[in-house]
C-alpha atoms as a PDB file:
ATOM      1  CA  MET A   1     -21.794   0.447  -6.984  1.00  0.00           C
ATOM      2  CA  ASN A   2     -22.618  -3.182  -7.723  1.00  0.00           C
ATOM      3  CA  ILE A   3     -19.594  -5.481  -8.097  1.00  0.00           C
ATOM      4  CA  LYS A   4     -19.636  -9.039  -9.409  1.00  0.00           C
ATOM      5  CA  GLU A   5     -16.623 -11.097  -8.350  1.00  0.00           C
ATOM      6  CA  LYS A   6     -15.188 -12.865 -11.421  1.00  0.00           C
ATOM      7  CA  ASN A   7     -12.237 -14.898 -10.171  1.00  0.00           C
ATOM      8  CA  ILE A   8      -9.659 -15.224  -7.416  1.00  0.00           C
ATOM      9  CA  LEU A   9      -6.254 -13.977  -8.540  1.00  0.00           C
ATOM     10  CA  MET A  10      -4.383 -14.720  -5.298  1.00  0.00           C
ATOM     11  CA  ASP A  11      -5.341 -17.012  -2.471  1.00  0.00           C
ATOM     12  CA  GLU A  12      -3.917 -16.871   1.063  1.00  0.00           C
ATOM     13  CA  GLU A  13      -0.776 -18.837   0.156  1.00  0.00           C
ATOM     14  CA  ALA A  14      -0.044 -16.762  -2.964  1.00  0.00           C
ATOM     15  CA  LEU A  15      -0.540 -13.535  -1.027  1.00  0.00           C
ATOM     16  CA  ASN A  16       1.847 -14.745   1.687  1.00  0.00           C
ATOM     17  CA  ARG A  17       4.517 -15.770  -0.865  1.00  0.00           C
ATOM     18  CA  THR A  18       4.157 -12.406  -2.608  1.00  0.00           C
ATOM     19  CA  LEU A  19       4.695 -10.473   0.625  1.00  0.00           C
ATOM     20  CA  THR A  20       7.753 -12.614   1.431  1.00  0.00           C
ATOM     21  CA  ARG A  21       9.239 -11.768  -1.983  1.00  0.00           C
ATOM     22  CA  ILE A  22       8.518  -8.045  -1.544  1.00  0.00           C
ATOM     23  CA  ALA A  23      10.182  -8.131   1.910  1.00  0.00           C
ATOM     24  CA  HIS A  24      13.332  -9.668   0.364  1.00  0.00           C
ATOM     25  CA  GLU A  25      13.301  -7.070  -2.440  1.00  0.00           C
ATOM     26  CA  ILE A  26      13.006  -4.195   0.059  1.00  0.00           C
ATOM     27  CA  ILE A  27      15.976  -5.516   2.052  1.00  0.00           C
ATOM     28  CA  GLU A  28      18.049  -6.076  -1.084  1.00  0.00           C
ATOM     29  CA  LYS A  29      17.357  -2.683  -2.676  1.00  0.00           C
ATOM     30  CA  ASN A  30      18.087  -0.847   0.582  1.00  0.00           C
ATOM     31  CA  ARG A  31      21.138  -2.985   1.467  1.00  0.00           C
ATOM     32  CA  GLY A  32      19.581  -3.926   4.780  1.00  0.00           C
ATOM     33  CA  ILE A  33      17.112  -2.163   7.015  1.00  0.00           C
ATOM     34  CA  LYS A  34      19.157   0.690   8.491  1.00  0.00           C
ATOM     35  CA  ASP A  35      17.042   3.882   8.679  1.00  0.00           C
ATOM     36  CA  LEU A  36      14.055   2.098   7.102  1.00  0.00           C
ATOM     37  CA  ILE A  37      10.429   2.737   8.079  1.00  0.00           C
ATOM     38  CA  LEU A  38       7.334   1.157   6.531  1.00  0.00           C
ATOM     39  CA  VAL A  39       4.317   3.448   6.291  1.00  0.00           C
ATOM     40  CA  GLY A  40       0.986   1.879   5.416  1.00  0.00           C
ATOM     41  CA  ILE A  41      -1.621   3.992   3.656  1.00  0.00           C
ATOM     42  CA  ARG A  42      -4.887   3.555   5.525  1.00  0.00           C
ATOM     43  CA  ARG A  43      -6.877   1.240   5.162  1.00  0.00           C
ATOM     44  CA  ARG A  44      -5.410  -1.955   3.727  1.00  0.00           C
ATOM     45  CA  GLY A  45      -1.880  -0.592   3.363  1.00  0.00           C
ATOM     46  CA  VAL A  46      -1.502  -0.661   7.151  1.00  0.00           C
ATOM     47  CA  PRO A  47      -1.927  -4.430   7.678  1.00  0.00           C
ATOM     48  CA  LEU A  48       0.233  -5.043   4.587  1.00  0.00           C
ATOM     49  CA  ALA A  49       3.001  -2.855   6.079  1.00  0.00           C
ATOM     50  CA  GLU A  50       2.703  -4.699   9.409  1.00  0.00           C
ATOM     51  CA  ARG A  51       2.991  -8.071   7.667  1.00  0.00           C
ATOM     52  CA  LEU A  52       6.017  -6.886   5.681  1.00  0.00           C
ATOM     53  CA  ALA A  53       7.638  -5.721   8.926  1.00  0.00           C
ATOM     54  CA  GLN A  54       7.098  -9.182  10.451  1.00  0.00           C
ATOM     55  CA  LYS A  55       8.647 -10.869   7.415  1.00  0.00           C
ATOM     56  CA  ILE A  56      11.614  -8.487   7.438  1.00  0.00           C
ATOM     57  CA  LYS A  57      12.141  -9.238  11.144  1.00  0.00           C
ATOM     58  CA  LEU A  58      12.215 -12.981  10.381  1.00  0.00           C
ATOM     59  CA  ILE A  59      14.787 -12.418   7.624  1.00  0.00           C
ATOM     60  CA  GLU A  60      16.985  -9.766   9.260  1.00  0.00           C
ATOM     61  CA  GLY A  61      16.448 -10.516  12.943  1.00  0.00           C
ATOM     62  CA  ALA A  62      15.645  -6.874  13.690  1.00  0.00           C
ATOM     63  CA  GLU A  63      12.472  -4.822  13.812  1.00  0.00           C
ATOM     64  CA  VAL A  64      11.425  -2.203  11.303  1.00  0.00           C
ATOM     65  CA  LYS A  65       9.150   0.569  12.563  1.00  0.00           C
ATOM     66  CA  VAL A  66       5.681   0.761  11.016  1.00  0.00           C
ATOM     67  CA  GLY A  67       3.608   3.898  10.628  1.00  0.00           C
ATOM     68  CA  LYS A  68       0.007   4.532   9.607  1.00  0.00           C
ATOM     69  CA  LEU A  69      -0.780   7.307   7.146  1.00  0.00           C
ATOM     70  CA  ASP A  70      -4.208   8.877   6.723  1.00  0.00           C
ATOM     71  CA  ILE A  71      -4.439  10.745   3.415  1.00  0.00           C
ATOM     72  CA  THR A  72      -8.099  11.764   3.706  1.00  0.00           C
ATOM     73  CA  LEU A  73      -7.456  15.512   3.809  1.00  0.00           C
ATOM     74  CA  TYR A  74      -4.883  15.316   1.004  1.00  0.00           C
ATOM     75  CA  ARG A  75      -7.187  13.694  -1.575  1.00  0.00           C
ATOM     76  CA  ASP A  76      -7.982  15.684  -4.712  1.00  0.00           C
ATOM     77  CA  ASP A  77     -11.519  14.260  -4.810  1.00  0.00           C
ATOM     78  CA  LEU A  78     -12.458  15.352  -1.283  1.00  0.00           C
ATOM     79  CA  THR A  79     -15.328  17.542  -2.452  1.00  0.00           C
ATOM     80  CA  THR A  80     -16.867  14.682  -4.447  1.00  0.00           C
ATOM     81  CA  SER A  81     -16.352  11.882  -1.936  1.00  0.00           C
ATOM     82  CA  GLY A  82     -19.424  12.445   0.229  1.00  0.00           C
ATOM     83  CA  ASP A  83     -20.626  14.406   3.210  1.00  0.00           C
ATOM     84  CA  GLN A  84     -18.027  14.676   5.931  1.00  0.00           C
ATOM     85  CA  PRO A  85     -14.693  12.903   5.473  1.00  0.00           C
ATOM     86  CA  VAL A  86     -13.757  10.492   8.261  1.00  0.00           C
ATOM     87  CA  VAL A  87     -10.214  11.156   9.422  1.00  0.00           C
ATOM     88  CA  HIS A  88      -8.516   8.270  11.223  1.00  0.00           C
ATOM     89  CA  GLY A  89      -5.260  10.038  11.968  1.00  0.00           C
ATOM     90  CA  THR A  90      -1.650   9.493  11.071  1.00  0.00           C
ATOM     91  CA  GLU A  91       0.585   7.577  13.471  1.00  0.00           C
ATOM     92  CA  ILE A  92       4.306   7.592  12.694  1.00  0.00           C
ATOM     93  CA  PRO A  93       6.362   6.156  15.603  1.00  0.00           C
ATOM     94  CA  VAL A  94       9.627   7.967  14.751  1.00  0.00           C
ATOM     95  CA  SER A  95      10.744  11.053  12.887  1.00  0.00           C
ATOM     96  CA  ILE A  96      11.001  10.420   9.144  1.00  0.00           C
ATOM     97  CA  LYS A  97      13.801  12.971   8.765  1.00  0.00           C
ATOM     98  CA  GLY A  98      16.741  11.226   7.095  1.00  0.00           C
ATOM     99  CA  LYS A  99      14.881   7.896   6.885  1.00  0.00           C
ATOM    100  CA  LYS A 100      14.055   5.684   3.914  1.00  0.00           C
ATOM    101  CA  VAL A 101      10.268   5.613   3.892  1.00  0.00           C
ATOM    102  CA  ILE A 102       8.535   2.714   2.155  1.00  0.00           C
ATOM    103  CA  LEU A 103       4.926   3.673   1.424  1.00  0.00           C
ATOM    104  CA  VAL A 104       2.758   0.537   1.363  1.00  0.00           C
ATOM    105  CA  ASP A 105      -0.626   0.238  -0.342  1.00  0.00           C
ATOM    106  CA  ASP A 106      -2.816  -2.546  -1.657  1.00  0.00           C
ATOM    107  CA  VAL A 107      -3.587  -1.449  -5.244  1.00  0.00           C
ATOM    108  CA  LEU A 108      -1.887   1.071  -7.517  1.00  0.00           C
ATOM    109  CA  TYR A 109      -4.368   2.410 -10.060  1.00  0.00           C
ATOM    110  CA  THR A 110      -4.467   6.071 -11.173  1.00  0.00           C
ATOM    111  CA  GLY A 111      -1.672   7.182  -8.838  1.00  0.00           C
ATOM    112  CA  ARG A 112      -3.824   9.783  -7.076  1.00  0.00           C
ATOM    113  CA  THR A 113      -3.742   7.998  -3.709  1.00  0.00           C
ATOM    114  CA  VAL A 114       0.051   7.834  -3.854  1.00  0.00           C
ATOM    115  CA  ARG A 115       0.252  11.535  -4.798  1.00  0.00           C
ATOM    116  CA  ALA A 116      -1.836  12.361  -1.730  1.00  0.00           C
ATOM    117  CA  ALA A 117       0.396  10.115   0.409  1.00  0.00           C
ATOM    118  CA  LEU A 118       3.529  11.860  -0.877  1.00  0.00           C
ATOM    119  CA  ASP A 119       2.062  15.244   0.102  1.00  0.00           C
ATOM    120  CA  ALA A 120       1.177  13.915   3.562  1.00  0.00           C
ATOM    121  CA  ILE A 121       4.655  12.423   4.107  1.00  0.00           C
ATOM    122  CA  ILE A 122       6.451  15.595   3.001  1.00  0.00           C
ATOM    123  CA  ASP A 123       4.358  17.582   5.506  1.00  0.00           C
ATOM    124  CA  LEU A 124       5.839  15.365   8.258  1.00  0.00           C
ATOM    125  CA  GLY A 125       9.471  16.074   7.376  1.00  0.00           C
ATOM    126  CA  ARG A 126      12.133  15.410   4.787  1.00  0.00           C
ATOM    127  CA  PRO A 127      12.971  11.737   4.397  1.00  0.00           C
ATOM    128  CA  LEU A 128      16.170  10.548   2.745  1.00  0.00           C
ATOM    129  CA  ALA A 129      14.078   8.683   0.158  1.00  0.00           C
ATOM    130  CA  ILE A 130      10.507   7.560  -0.451  1.00  0.00           C
ATOM    131  CA  GLN A 131       9.807   4.223  -2.134  1.00  0.00           C
ATOM    132  CA  LEU A 132       6.504   2.602  -2.987  1.00  0.00           C
ATOM    133  CA  ALA A 133       5.451  -1.015  -2.393  1.00  0.00           C
ATOM    134  CA  VAL A 134       2.095  -2.254  -3.681  1.00  0.00           C
ATOM    135  CA  LEU A 135       0.486  -5.656  -3.664  1.00  0.00           C
ATOM    136  CA  VAL A 136      -1.161  -5.134  -7.073  1.00  0.00           C
ATOM    137  CA  ASP A 137      -0.481  -2.731  -9.955  1.00  0.00           C
ATOM    138  CA  ARG A 138      -3.517  -2.659 -12.231  1.00  0.00           C
ATOM    139  CA  GLY A 139      -2.404   0.073 -14.639  1.00  0.00           C
ATOM    140  CA  HIS A 140      -4.422   3.081 -15.883  1.00  0.00           C
ATOM    141  CA  ARG A 141      -2.082   5.692 -14.403  1.00  0.00           C
ATOM    142  CA  GLU A 142      -3.196   9.327 -14.547  1.00  0.00           C
ATOM    143  CA  LEU A 143      -0.036  10.626 -12.870  1.00  0.00           C
ATOM    144  CA  PRO A 144       3.641   9.771 -13.476  1.00  0.00           C
ATOM    145  CA  ILE A 145       3.928   7.398 -10.520  1.00  0.00           C
ATOM    146  CA  ARG A 146       5.585   3.972 -10.532  1.00  0.00           C
ATOM    147  CA  ALA A 147       5.973   1.440  -7.725  1.00  0.00           C
ATOM    148  CA  ASP A 148       9.434   0.287  -6.656  1.00  0.00           C
ATOM    149  CA  PHE A 149       8.078  -3.037  -5.383  1.00  0.00           C
ATOM    150  CA  VAL A 150       5.113  -4.760  -7.033  1.00  0.00           C
ATOM    151  CA  GLY A 151       3.554  -8.000  -5.874  1.00  0.00           C
ATOM    152  CA  LYS A 152       1.684  -8.661  -9.086  1.00  0.00           C
ATOM    153  CA  ASN A 153       0.903  -6.711 -12.257  1.00  0.00           C
ATOM    154  CA  ILE A 154      -2.713  -7.329 -13.238  1.00  0.00           C
ATOM    155  CA  PRO A 155      -3.831  -5.446 -16.350  1.00  0.00           C
ATOM    156  CA  THR A 156      -7.504  -4.532 -16.066  1.00  0.00           C
ATOM    157  CA  SER A 157     -10.177  -2.721 -17.996  1.00  0.00           C
ATOM    158  CA  ARG A 158     -11.798   0.350 -16.466  1.00  0.00           C
ATOM    159  CA  LYS A 159     -14.959  -1.734 -15.895  1.00  0.00           C
ATOM    160  CA  GLU A 160     -13.002  -4.129 -13.696  1.00  0.00           C
ATOM    161  CA  ILE A 161     -11.874  -3.684 -10.122  1.00  0.00           C
ATOM    162  CA  ILE A 162      -9.279  -5.382  -7.929  1.00  0.00           C
ATOM    163  CA  LEU A 163     -10.569  -6.331  -4.481  1.00  0.00           C
ATOM    164  CA  VAL A 164      -7.847  -6.989  -1.921  1.00  0.00           C
ATOM    165  CA  LYS A 165      -9.274  -8.805   1.083  1.00  0.00           C
ATOM    166  CA  LEU A 166      -7.200  -9.110   4.237  1.00  0.00           C
ATOM    167  CA  VAL A 167      -7.947 -11.042   7.417  1.00  0.00           C
ATOM    168  CA  GLU A 168      -7.442  -7.917   9.537  1.00  0.00           C
ATOM    169  CA  VAL A 169     -10.158  -6.008   7.651  1.00  0.00           C
ATOM    170  CA  ASP A 170     -12.277  -8.519   5.724  1.00  0.00           C
ATOM    171  CA  GLY A 171     -11.872 -11.820   7.570  1.00  0.00           C
ATOM    172  CA  CYS A 172     -10.012 -13.611   4.739  1.00  0.00           C
ATOM    173  CA  ASP A 173      -6.896 -13.257   2.592  1.00  0.00           C
ATOM    174  CA  GLU A 174      -7.400 -13.104  -1.172  1.00  0.00           C
ATOM    175  CA  VAL A 175      -7.174 -10.860  -4.197  1.00  0.00           C
ATOM    176  CA  VAL A 176     -10.222 -10.964  -6.453  1.00  0.00           C
ATOM    177  CA  LEU A 177     -10.926  -9.565  -9.898  1.00  0.00           C
ATOM    178  CA  GLY A 178     -14.379  -8.021  -9.985  1.00  0.00           C
ATOM    179  CA  GLU A 179     -16.565  -6.407 -12.596  1.00  0.00           C
ATOM    180  CA  ILE A 180     -18.443  -3.177 -11.973  1.00  0.00           C
ATOM    181  CA  ARG A 181     -22.121  -3.537 -12.828  1.00  0.00           C
ATOM    182  CA  GLU A 182     -24.187  -0.434 -13.387  1.00  0.00           C
END
């Protein structure tokens, strides 16, 4: 797939401000951080969850546990996604039973990734609640899934793509609108 980058939608400062706002919204909606755990969906959801946890610690003065969720084997497109799937493993530091789980991902698009994440979380136990935090919601839902916390709504066409670049994975922080070239 050939992608042409069209324009930068968020630079490093905007991304940082957005995560700070989401951290405040998470604390406010949950009336604090009691029984809260952030679970990043691999790949870019994990560093986003870790950054949110750092921001929450600065605001509340207490740590929030962060987990890493691998949804590879829960995807509904597994048979079309290539040869052998690469499983990175799920790492949840505490039991999710009775906890408020905040799933964290970079982009919400069709909703299929979140559906897979919900299946994976439920297999780990029964949380008190599951909420969803995303950096970007680009629309085009195929499933009835809505984020509780959204950094930015960016309506796109199906020929466009949102590229979230993070220092931990890509060496820089920015959100870019791209165009798929065939």
